[in-house]
Amino acid sequence: MNDPIEIAASKLAHLSKKWNPEITDHVEDIRYGVALRINYYSVVLGCLIIGFVTGKVLETIVSMISFILLRRFTGGLHMPTLTLCFFVSSALLSGIPHISLAQNISIVLNIVSLVLVLFFSERRQQHNLMGACMLIGSNFILNSDVISMSFFAQSVLLIRFGKEVKQP
């Protein structure tokens, strides 16, 4: 375990068990939950800081929310380490608001995202696919470049290229 987020989570898990011996969860279970939370909040905070510095806070929030919502319905690729996940997610989600698209490109991205979700979604239950399609479809009405690119980025992460990486 060389990942800084995993190391911090492990230390916090051991401390919480030491400070409160009545906790019935195993240290490994606590570490797992703490690591995911550290990663999640780090990405959100990192993106918000970048959005604030670049003057794109609202667009960054829209980028994060649309990406996360679609990911909830579809699943997707996980990075090999949480620290790599932090850097890739922060760069992707805070970079999207700085790209402008022509309206026809935004529509094409929405269509491609729909197709990718239908073919590659990990969560094949009907309600997940319907939710994902309705979510992407809503952007044909909203016509947001940021949402189109967030949906497209998440949809591309559904494609399995070579070796699959399991979530830590």
N, C-alpha and C. Protein backbone atom coordinates (compact mmCIF):
# COMPACT_ATOMS: atom_id res chain seq x y z
N MET A 1 0.84 -1.17 0.00
CA MET A 1 0.00 0.00 0.00
C MET A 1 0.89 1.24 0.00
N ASN A 2 1.16 1.77 -1.21
CA ASN A 2 1.99 2.96 -1.36
C ASN A 2 1.16 4.20 -1.66
N ASP A 3 -0.12 4.03 -1.82
CA ASP A 3 -1.00 5.13 -2.17
C ASP A 3 -1.18 6.06 -0.97
N PRO A 4 -0.90 7.35 -1.11
CA PRO A 4 -1.01 8.27 0.03
C PRO A 4 -2.41 8.31 0.66
N ILE A 5 -3.44 8.22 -0.16
CA ILE A 5 -4.80 8.23 0.38
C ILE A 5 -5.05 6.96 1.19
N GLU A 6 -4.60 5.83 0.68
CA GLU A 6 -4.75 4.56 1.40
C GLU A 6 -3.97 4.58 2.72
N ILE A 7 -2.78 5.14 2.71
CA ILE A 7 -1.97 5.22 3.93
C ILE A 7 -2.66 6.08 4.98
N ALA A 8 -3.16 7.25 4.55
CA ALA A 8 -3.87 8.13 5.48
C ALA A 8 -5.12 7.45 6.02
N ALA A 9 -5.85 6.78 5.17
CA ALA A 9 -7.08 6.09 5.59
C ALA A 9 -6.76 4.98 6.58
N SER A 10 -5.68 4.26 6.35
CA SER A 10 -5.28 3.18 7.25
C SER A 10 -4.94 3.73 8.64
N LYS A 11 -4.19 4.83 8.66
CA LYS A 11 -3.83 5.45 9.94
C LYS A 11 -5.09 5.93 10.68
N LEU A 12 -6.00 6.56 9.94
CA LEU A 12 -7.24 7.02 10.56
C LEU A 12 -8.09 5.87 11.07
N ALA A 13 -8.13 4.78 10.32
CA ALA A 13 -8.91 3.61 10.74
C ALA A 13 -8.34 3.01 12.03
N HIS A 14 -7.03 2.89 12.09
CA HIS A 14 -6.39 2.36 13.31
C HIS A 14 -6.60 3.29 14.49
N LEU A 15 -6.52 4.60 14.25
CA LEU A 15 -6.75 5.56 15.34
C LEU A 15 -8.19 5.50 15.84
N SER A 16 -9.13 5.40 14.92
CA SER A 16 -10.54 5.36 15.34
C SER A 16 -10.82 4.11 16.16
N LYS A 17 -10.22 3.00 15.78
CA LYS A 17 -10.38 1.75 16.53
C LYS A 17 -9.71 1.86 17.91
N LYS A 18 -8.56 2.52 17.94
CA LYS A 18 -7.83 2.70 19.20
C LYS A 18 -8.60 3.62 20.15
N TRP A 19 -9.12 4.72 19.62
CA TRP A 19 -9.83 5.70 20.44
C TRP A 19 -11.20 5.21 20.88
N ASN A 20 -11.80 4.34 20.08
CA ASN A 20 -13.13 3.83 20.42
C ASN A 20 -13.14 2.31 20.23
N PRO A 21 -12.69 1.56 21.23
CA PRO A 21 -12.62 0.10 21.10
C PRO A 21 -14.00 -0.57 20.97
N GLU A 22 -15.06 0.17 21.21
CA GLU A 22 -16.40 -0.40 21.09
C GLU A 22 -16.86 -0.53 19.64
N ILE A 23 -16.10 0.05 18.72
CA ILE A 23 -16.43 -0.08 17.30
C ILE A 23 -16.32 -1.56 16.93
N THR A 24 -17.38 -2.10 16.34
CA THR A 24 -17.39 -3.52 16.02
C THR A 24 -16.87 -3.81 14.62
N ASP A 25 -16.75 -2.78 13.78
CA ASP A 25 -16.25 -2.98 12.42
C ASP A 25 -14.77 -3.34 12.44
N HIS A 26 -14.35 -4.11 11.44
CA HIS A 26 -12.95 -4.44 11.29
C HIS A 26 -12.19 -3.22 10.78
N VAL A 27 -10.94 -3.11 11.13
CA VAL A 27 -10.12 -1.98 10.70
C VAL A 27 -10.11 -1.86 9.18
N GLU A 28 -10.06 -2.98 8.49
CA GLU A 28 -10.03 -2.96 7.03
C GLU A 28 -11.32 -2.36 6.45
N ASP A 29 -12.45 -2.67 7.06
CA ASP A 29 -13.72 -2.10 6.61
C ASP A 29 -13.75 -0.60 6.85
N ILE A 30 -13.26 -0.17 8.00
CA ILE A 30 -13.20 1.26 8.31
C ILE A 30 -12.26 1.96 7.33
N ARG A 31 -11.09 1.36 7.09
CA ARG A 31 -10.10 1.94 6.18
C ARG A 31 -10.70 2.13 4.79
N TYR A 32 -11.43 1.14 4.30
CA TYR A 32 -12.03 1.20 2.98
C TYR A 32 -12.99 2.39 2.88
N GLY A 33 -13.88 2.51 3.86
CA GLY A 33 -14.84 3.62 3.84
C GLY A 33 -14.16 4.98 3.97
N VAL A 34 -13.16 5.06 4.83
CA VAL A 34 -12.43 6.32 5.02
C VAL A 34 -11.68 6.69 3.74
N ALA A 35 -11.05 5.72 3.09
CA ALA A 35 -10.29 5.98 1.86
C ALA A 35 -11.21 6.52 0.77
N LEU A 36 -12.37 5.93 0.61
CA LEU A 36 -13.31 6.41 -0.41
C LEU A 36 -13.78 7.83 -0.11
N ARG A 37 -14.03 8.10 1.15
CA ARG A 37 -14.47 9.45 1.52
C ARG A 37 -13.37 10.49 1.32
N ILE A 38 -12.16 10.14 1.72
CA ILE A 38 -11.03 11.07 1.51
C ILE A 38 -10.90 11.37 0.02
N ASN A 39 -10.97 10.34 -0.80
CA ASN A 39 -10.85 10.53 -2.25
C ASN A 39 -11.98 11.40 -2.77
N TYR A 40 -13.20 11.08 -2.41
CA TYR A 40 -14.37 11.82 -2.90
C TYR A 40 -14.29 13.29 -2.51
N TYR A 41 -14.06 13.56 -1.24
CA TYR A 41 -14.01 14.95 -0.78
C TYR A 41 -12.81 15.69 -1.33
N SER A 42 -11.71 14.99 -1.56
CA SER A 42 -10.53 15.62 -2.16
C SER A 42 -10.81 16.06 -3.59
N VAL A 43 -11.49 15.20 -4.34
CA VAL A 43 -11.84 15.55 -5.72
C VAL A 43 -12.77 16.76 -5.73
N VAL A 44 -13.80 16.73 -4.90
CA VAL A 44 -14.75 17.84 -4.86
C VAL A 44 -14.04 19.13 -4.47
N LEU A 45 -13.25 19.09 -3.41
CA LEU A 45 -12.54 20.28 -2.95
C LEU A 45 -11.54 20.75 -4.00
N GLY A 46 -10.78 19.83 -4.58
CA GLY A 46 -9.81 20.21 -5.62
C GLY A 46 -10.48 20.87 -6.81
N CYS A 47 -11.60 20.31 -7.26
CA CYS A 47 -12.33 20.89 -8.39
C CYS A 47 -12.88 22.27 -8.04
N LEU A 48 -13.43 22.40 -6.84
CA LEU A 48 -13.98 23.70 -6.44
C LEU A 48 -12.89 24.77 -6.34
N ILE A 49 -11.73 24.39 -5.84
CA ILE A 49 -10.62 25.35 -5.77
C ILE A 49 -10.20 25.78 -7.17
N ILE A 50 -10.05 24.81 -8.07
CA ILE A 50 -9.67 25.14 -9.45
C ILE A 50 -10.76 25.99 -10.10
N GLY A 51 -12.02 25.63 -9.89
CA GLY A 51 -13.12 26.41 -10.43
C GLY A 51 -13.13 27.83 -9.90
N PHE A 52 -12.85 28.00 -8.62
CA PHE A 52 -12.81 29.33 -8.01
C PHE A 52 -11.66 30.15 -8.60
N VAL A 53 -10.49 29.54 -8.69
CA VAL A 53 -9.31 30.24 -9.20
C VAL A 53 -9.50 30.66 -10.66
N THR A 54 -10.16 29.82 -11.45
CA THR A 54 -10.34 30.11 -12.87
C THR A 54 -11.64 30.84 -13.19
N GLY A 55 -12.44 31.12 -12.16
CA GLY A 55 -13.70 31.82 -12.38
C GLY A 55 -14.79 30.97 -13.00
N LYS A 56 -14.71 29.66 -12.84
CA LYS A 56 -15.70 28.74 -13.43
C LYS A 56 -16.31 27.84 -12.36
N VAL A 57 -16.66 28.40 -11.21
CA VAL A 57 -17.17 27.59 -10.10
C VAL A 57 -18.49 26.92 -10.47
N LEU A 58 -19.44 27.68 -10.97
CA LEU A 58 -20.76 27.12 -11.29
C LEU A 58 -20.63 26.02 -12.36
N GLU A 59 -19.84 26.28 -13.39
CA GLU A 59 -19.66 25.29 -14.45
C GLU A 59 -18.97 24.04 -13.92
N THR A 60 -18.03 24.22 -12.99
CA THR A 60 -17.34 23.07 -12.39
C THR A 60 -18.31 22.24 -11.56
N ILE A 61 -19.18 22.88 -10.83
CA ILE A 61 -20.20 22.17 -10.04
C ILE A 61 -21.13 21.39 -10.98
N VAL A 62 -21.54 22.01 -12.07
CA VAL A 62 -22.40 21.33 -13.05
C VAL A 62 -21.66 20.13 -13.64
N SER A 63 -20.38 20.29 -13.94
CA SER A 63 -19.57 19.20 -14.47
C SER A 63 -19.52 18.03 -13.49
N MET A 64 -19.26 18.33 -12.22
CA MET A 64 -19.18 17.27 -11.21
C MET A 64 -20.52 16.57 -11.02
N ILE A 65 -21.58 17.34 -10.88
CA ILE A 65 -22.90 16.75 -10.60
C ILE A 65 -23.36 15.88 -11.77
N SER A 66 -23.22 16.38 -13.00
CA SER A 66 -23.68 15.59 -14.15
C SER A 66 -22.86 14.32 -14.30
N PHE A 67 -21.55 14.39 -14.09
CA PHE A 67 -20.69 13.21 -14.18
C PHE A 67 -21.08 12.19 -13.11
N ILE A 68 -21.23 12.65 -11.88
CA ILE A 68 -21.54 11.75 -10.77
C ILE A 68 -22.92 11.11 -10.94
N LEU A 69 -23.90 11.89 -11.37
CA LEU A 69 -25.25 11.33 -11.56
C LEU A 69 -25.25 10.22 -12.61
N LEU A 70 -24.60 10.47 -13.74
CA LEU A 70 -24.57 9.43 -14.77
C LEU A 70 -23.79 8.21 -14.29
N ARG A 71 -22.71 8.45 -13.56
CA ARG A 71 -21.90 7.33 -13.05
C ARG A 71 -22.70 6.46 -12.09
N ARG A 72 -23.59 7.06 -11.32
CA ARG A 72 -24.45 6.29 -10.41
C ARG A 72 -25.33 5.31 -11.17
N PHE A 73 -25.80 5.72 -12.33
CA PHE A 73 -26.67 4.86 -13.13
C PHE A 73 -25.89 3.80 -13.92
N THR A 74 -24.63 4.10 -14.29
CA THR A 74 -23.94 3.25 -15.26
C THR A 74 -22.72 2.50 -14.73
N GLY A 75 -22.14 2.93 -13.63
CA GLY A 75 -20.86 2.36 -13.20
C GLY A 75 -19.75 2.93 -14.05
N GLY A 76 -18.61 2.25 -14.10
CA GLY A 76 -17.52 2.73 -14.94
C GLY A 76 -16.16 2.31 -14.45
N LEU A 77 -15.16 2.69 -15.21
CA LEU A 77 -13.77 2.35 -14.94
C LEU A 77 -13.29 2.96 -13.63
N HIS A 78 -12.47 2.21 -12.90
CA HIS A 78 -11.82 2.71 -11.70
C HIS A 78 -10.32 2.75 -11.93
N MET A 79 -9.69 3.77 -11.43
CA MET A 79 -8.24 3.89 -11.53
C MET A 79 -7.58 2.88 -10.59
N PRO A 80 -6.33 2.53 -10.86
CA PRO A 80 -5.65 1.53 -10.02
C PRO A 80 -5.39 2.02 -8.59
N THR A 81 -5.25 3.33 -8.41
CA THR A 81 -5.04 3.87 -7.05
C THR A 81 -5.98 5.05 -6.84
N LEU A 82 -6.29 5.31 -5.59
CA LEU A 82 -7.17 6.44 -5.27
C LEU A 82 -6.50 7.78 -5.56
N THR A 83 -5.19 7.85 -5.39
CA THR A 83 -4.48 9.09 -5.69
C THR A 83 -4.53 9.38 -7.18
N LEU A 84 -4.34 8.37 -8.01
CA LEU A 84 -4.48 8.56 -9.46
C LEU A 84 -5.90 8.96 -9.80
N CYS A 85 -6.87 8.35 -9.14
CA CYS A 85 -8.27 8.72 -9.32
C CYS A 85 -8.48 10.20 -9.00
N PHE A 86 -7.89 10.65 -7.91
CA PHE A 86 -8.00 12.06 -7.52
C PHE A 86 -7.47 12.97 -8.62
N PHE A 87 -6.27 12.69 -9.11
CA PHE A 87 -5.67 13.57 -10.12
C PHE A 87 -6.42 13.53 -11.45
N VAL A 88 -6.79 12.35 -11.90
CA VAL A 88 -7.51 12.22 -13.17
C VAL A 88 -8.89 12.87 -13.06
N SER A 89 -9.61 12.57 -11.99
CA SER A 89 -10.96 13.13 -11.81
C SER A 89 -10.92 14.65 -11.68
N SER A 90 -9.99 15.14 -10.89
CA SER A 90 -9.89 16.60 -10.71
C SER A 90 -9.55 17.30 -12.01
N ALA A 91 -8.60 16.75 -12.76
CA ALA A 91 -8.22 17.36 -14.03
C ALA A 91 -9.38 17.32 -15.03
N LEU A 92 -10.03 16.17 -15.11
CA LEU A 92 -11.14 16.01 -16.05
C LEU A 92 -12.31 16.93 -15.71
N LEU A 93 -12.77 16.86 -14.46
CA LEU A 93 -13.98 17.59 -14.08
C LEU A 93 -13.77 19.09 -13.99
N SER A 94 -12.56 19.52 -13.67
CA SER A 94 -12.32 20.97 -13.63
C SER A 94 -11.84 21.49 -14.98
N GLY A 95 -11.44 20.61 -15.88
CA GLY A 95 -11.04 21.02 -17.23
C GLY A 95 -12.20 21.19 -18.18
N ILE A 96 -13.22 20.37 -18.00
CA ILE A 96 -14.39 20.40 -18.89
C ILE A 96 -15.01 21.79 -19.02
N PRO A 97 -15.19 22.54 -17.94
CA PRO A 97 -15.81 23.86 -18.09
C PRO A 97 -15.04 24.86 -18.94
N HIS A 98 -13.81 24.56 -19.27
CA HIS A 98 -12.98 25.48 -20.03
C HIS A 98 -12.97 25.19 -21.52
N ILE A 99 -13.82 24.24 -21.94
CA ILE A 99 -13.90 23.87 -23.35
C ILE A 99 -15.25 24.32 -23.89
N SER A 100 -15.22 25.01 -25.02
CA SER A 100 -16.47 25.43 -25.67
C SER A 100 -16.72 24.55 -26.89
N LEU A 101 -17.96 24.22 -27.10
CA LEU A 101 -18.34 23.37 -28.23
C LEU A 101 -19.35 24.09 -29.11
N ALA A 102 -19.32 23.77 -30.38
CA ALA A 102 -20.39 24.20 -31.28
C ALA A 102 -21.64 23.40 -30.91
N GLN A 103 -22.81 23.96 -31.14
CA GLN A 103 -24.06 23.30 -30.75
C GLN A 103 -24.18 21.91 -31.38
N ASN A 104 -23.80 21.77 -32.64
CA ASN A 104 -23.93 20.45 -33.29
C ASN A 104 -22.97 19.43 -32.67
N ILE A 105 -21.82 19.85 -32.18
CA ILE A 105 -20.89 18.93 -31.52
C ILE A 105 -21.48 18.47 -30.19
N SER A 106 -22.12 19.36 -29.48
CA SER A 106 -22.76 19.01 -28.21
C SER A 106 -23.85 17.96 -28.43
N ILE A 107 -24.62 18.11 -29.48
CA ILE A 107 -25.68 17.15 -29.81
C ILE A 107 -25.06 15.80 -30.17
N VAL A 108 -23.99 15.82 -30.95
CA VAL A 108 -23.31 14.58 -31.33
C VAL A 108 -22.78 13.87 -30.07
N LEU A 109 -22.19 14.62 -29.14
CA LEU A 109 -21.69 14.02 -27.90
C LEU A 109 -22.83 13.39 -27.10
N ASN A 110 -23.98 14.03 -27.07
CA ASN A 110 -25.14 13.45 -26.38
C ASN A 110 -25.55 12.13 -27.03
N ILE A 111 -25.59 12.09 -28.35
CA ILE A 111 -25.98 10.87 -29.06
C ILE A 111 -24.95 9.76 -28.81
N VAL A 112 -23.68 10.09 -28.93
CA VAL A 112 -22.62 9.10 -28.70
C VAL A 112 -22.69 8.59 -27.26
N SER A 113 -22.94 9.49 -26.32
CA SER A 113 -23.05 9.09 -24.91
C SER A 113 -24.20 8.10 -24.72
N LEU A 114 -25.34 8.37 -25.35
CA LEU A 114 -26.47 7.44 -25.28
C LEU A 114 -26.10 6.06 -25.80
N VAL A 115 -25.46 6.03 -26.95
CA VAL A 115 -25.07 4.75 -27.56
C VAL A 115 -24.09 4.01 -26.65
N LEU A 116 -23.08 4.71 -26.15
CA LEU A 116 -22.09 4.08 -25.29
C LEU A 116 -22.73 3.52 -24.02
N VAL A 117 -23.64 4.26 -23.43
CA VAL A 117 -24.32 3.79 -22.23
C VAL A 117 -25.14 2.54 -22.53
N LEU A 118 -25.85 2.54 -23.65
CA LEU A 118 -26.67 1.38 -23.99
C LEU A 118 -25.83 0.13 -24.25
N PHE A 119 -24.65 0.30 -24.80
CA PHE A 119 -23.81 -0.85 -25.13
C PHE A 119 -22.86 -1.28 -24.02
N PHE A 120 -22.39 -0.33 -23.22
CA PHE A 120 -21.30 -0.66 -22.31
C PHE A 120 -21.62 -0.49 -20.82
N SER A 121 -22.79 -0.05 -20.46
CA SER A 121 -23.10 0.17 -19.05
C SER A 121 -22.91 -1.10 -18.24
N GLU A 122 -22.27 -0.97 -17.09
CA GLU A 122 -22.08 -2.11 -16.18
C GLU A 122 -23.39 -2.50 -15.52
N ARG A 123 -24.22 -1.54 -15.31
CA ARG A 123 -25.49 -1.77 -14.60
C ARG A 123 -26.60 -1.91 -15.62
N ARG A 124 -26.88 -3.15 -15.97
CA ARG A 124 -27.78 -3.44 -17.07
C ARG A 124 -29.26 -3.50 -16.68
N GLN A 125 -29.59 -3.28 -15.42
CA GLN A 125 -31.00 -3.32 -15.03
C GLN A 125 -31.75 -2.22 -15.79
N GLN A 126 -32.99 -2.54 -16.10
CA GLN A 126 -33.79 -1.63 -16.91
C GLN A 126 -33.91 -0.24 -16.29
N HIS A 127 -34.11 -0.18 -14.97
CA HIS A 127 -34.29 1.14 -14.35
C HIS A 127 -33.01 1.97 -14.41
N ASN A 128 -31.84 1.33 -14.36
CA ASN A 128 -30.58 2.07 -14.48
C ASN A 128 -30.38 2.59 -15.90
N LEU A 129 -30.65 1.74 -16.88
CA LEU A 129 -30.50 2.17 -18.27
C LEU A 129 -31.51 3.26 -18.62
N MET A 130 -32.73 3.10 -18.15
CA MET A 130 -33.74 4.14 -18.41
C MET A 130 -33.35 5.46 -17.76
N GLY A 131 -32.89 5.38 -16.50
CA GLY A 131 -32.46 6.59 -15.80
C GLY A 131 -31.31 7.27 -16.51
N ALA A 132 -30.34 6.48 -16.95
CA ALA A 132 -29.18 7.03 -17.66
C ALA A 132 -29.60 7.68 -18.97
N CYS A 133 -30.47 7.00 -19.71
CA CYS A 133 -30.93 7.54 -20.99
C CYS A 133 -31.77 8.81 -20.80
N MET A 134 -32.59 8.83 -19.77
CA MET A 134 -33.39 10.03 -19.49
C MET A 134 -32.48 11.19 -19.08
N LEU A 135 -31.46 10.88 -18.30
CA LEU A 135 -30.52 11.90 -17.86
C LEU A 135 -29.80 12.50 -19.06
N ILE A 136 -29.25 11.65 -19.92
CA ILE A 136 -28.56 12.14 -21.11
C ILE A 136 -29.56 12.86 -22.03
N GLY A 137 -30.75 12.28 -22.18
CA GLY A 137 -31.78 12.90 -23.02
C GLY A 137 -32.18 14.29 -22.56
N SER A 138 -32.13 14.52 -21.25
CA SER A 138 -32.49 15.85 -20.74
C SER A 138 -31.56 16.93 -21.28
N ASN A 139 -30.35 16.54 -21.65
CA ASN A 139 -29.43 17.55 -22.17
C ASN A 139 -29.74 17.95 -23.61
N PHE A 140 -30.60 17.22 -24.29
CA PHE A 140 -31.06 17.69 -25.59
C PHE A 140 -31.94 18.93 -25.39
N ILE A 141 -32.58 19.03 -24.23
CA ILE A 141 -33.39 20.20 -23.90
C ILE A 141 -32.53 21.30 -23.29
N LEU A 142 -31.68 20.92 -22.31
CA LEU A 142 -30.81 21.90 -21.65
C LEU A 142 -29.73 22.45 -22.58
N ASN A 143 -29.23 21.58 -23.45
CA ASN A 143 -28.21 21.94 -24.44
C ASN A 143 -26.99 22.60 -23.79
N SER A 144 -26.44 21.94 -22.78
CA SER A 144 -25.26 22.45 -22.07
C SER A 144 -24.00 21.75 -22.56
N ASP A 145 -23.02 22.56 -22.98
CA ASP A 145 -21.72 22.00 -23.39
C ASP A 145 -21.08 21.23 -22.25
N VAL A 146 -21.12 21.80 -21.06
CA VAL A 146 -20.49 21.19 -19.89
C VAL A 146 -21.12 19.83 -19.60
N ILE A 147 -22.43 19.77 -19.62
CA ILE A 147 -23.13 18.50 -19.35
C ILE A 147 -22.84 17.49 -20.46
N SER A 148 -22.83 17.93 -21.72
CA SER A 148 -22.51 17.03 -22.84
C SER A 148 -21.14 16.40 -22.65
N MET A 149 -20.15 17.23 -22.32
CA MET A 149 -18.79 16.71 -22.17
C MET A 149 -18.66 15.82 -20.93
N SER A 150 -19.35 16.16 -19.85
CA SER A 150 -19.32 15.31 -18.65
C SER A 150 -19.94 13.96 -18.93
N PHE A 151 -21.09 13.96 -19.59
CA PHE A 151 -21.74 12.70 -19.95
C PHE A 151 -20.86 11.89 -20.89
N PHE A 152 -20.25 12.55 -21.86
CA PHE A 152 -19.39 11.85 -22.81
C PHE A 152 -18.18 11.24 -22.10
N ALA A 153 -17.55 12.02 -21.22
CA ALA A 153 -16.39 11.51 -20.49
C ALA A 153 -16.76 10.28 -19.67
N GLN A 154 -17.89 10.35 -18.97
CA GLN A 154 -18.34 9.20 -18.17
C GLN A 154 -18.68 8.02 -19.06
N SER A 155 -19.30 8.28 -20.20
CA SER A 155 -19.67 7.20 -21.12
C SER A 155 -18.45 6.50 -21.69
N VAL A 156 -17.42 7.25 -22.00
CA VAL A 156 -16.17 6.65 -22.51
C VAL A 156 -15.55 5.76 -21.45
N LEU A 157 -15.69 6.14 -20.18
CA LEU A 157 -15.13 5.34 -19.09
C LEU A 157 -15.88 4.02 -18.87
N LEU A 158 -16.93 3.79 -19.63
CA LEU A 158 -17.63 2.51 -19.57
C LEU A 158 -16.95 1.44 -20.45
N ILE A 159 -16.19 1.91 -21.42
CA ILE A 159 -15.54 0.99 -22.36
C ILE A 159 -14.36 0.33 -21.66
N ARG A 160 -14.30 -0.98 -21.75
CA ARG A 160 -13.21 -1.74 -21.14
C ARG A 160 -12.08 -1.91 -22.15
N PHE A 161 -10.97 -1.26 -21.88
CA PHE A 161 -9.78 -1.38 -22.72
C PHE A 161 -8.80 -2.28 -22.00
N GLY A 162 -8.68 -3.52 -22.42
CA GLY A 162 -7.68 -4.42 -21.82
C GLY A 162 -8.05 -4.85 -20.41
N LYS A 163 -7.07 -4.83 -19.52
CA LYS A 163 -7.22 -5.33 -18.16
C LYS A 163 -8.16 -4.45 -17.35
N GLU A 164 -9.09 -5.09 -16.66
CA GLU A 164 -10.06 -4.38 -15.82
C GLU A 164 -9.44 -4.12 -14.45
N VAL A 165 -9.65 -2.90 -13.94
CA VAL A 165 -9.15 -2.53 -12.63
C VAL A 165 -10.32 -2.52 -11.66
N LYS A 166 -10.19 -3.26 -10.56
CA LYS A 166 -11.24 -3.31 -9.55
C LYS A 166 -11.10 -2.14 -8.60
N GLN A 167 -12.25 -1.68 -8.08
CA GLN A 167 -12.24 -0.61 -7.10
C GLN A 167 -11.56 -1.11 -5.83
N PRO A 168 -10.69 -0.25 -5.23
CA PRO A 168 -9.97 -0.69 -4.01
C PRO A 168 -10.90 -0.97 -2.87
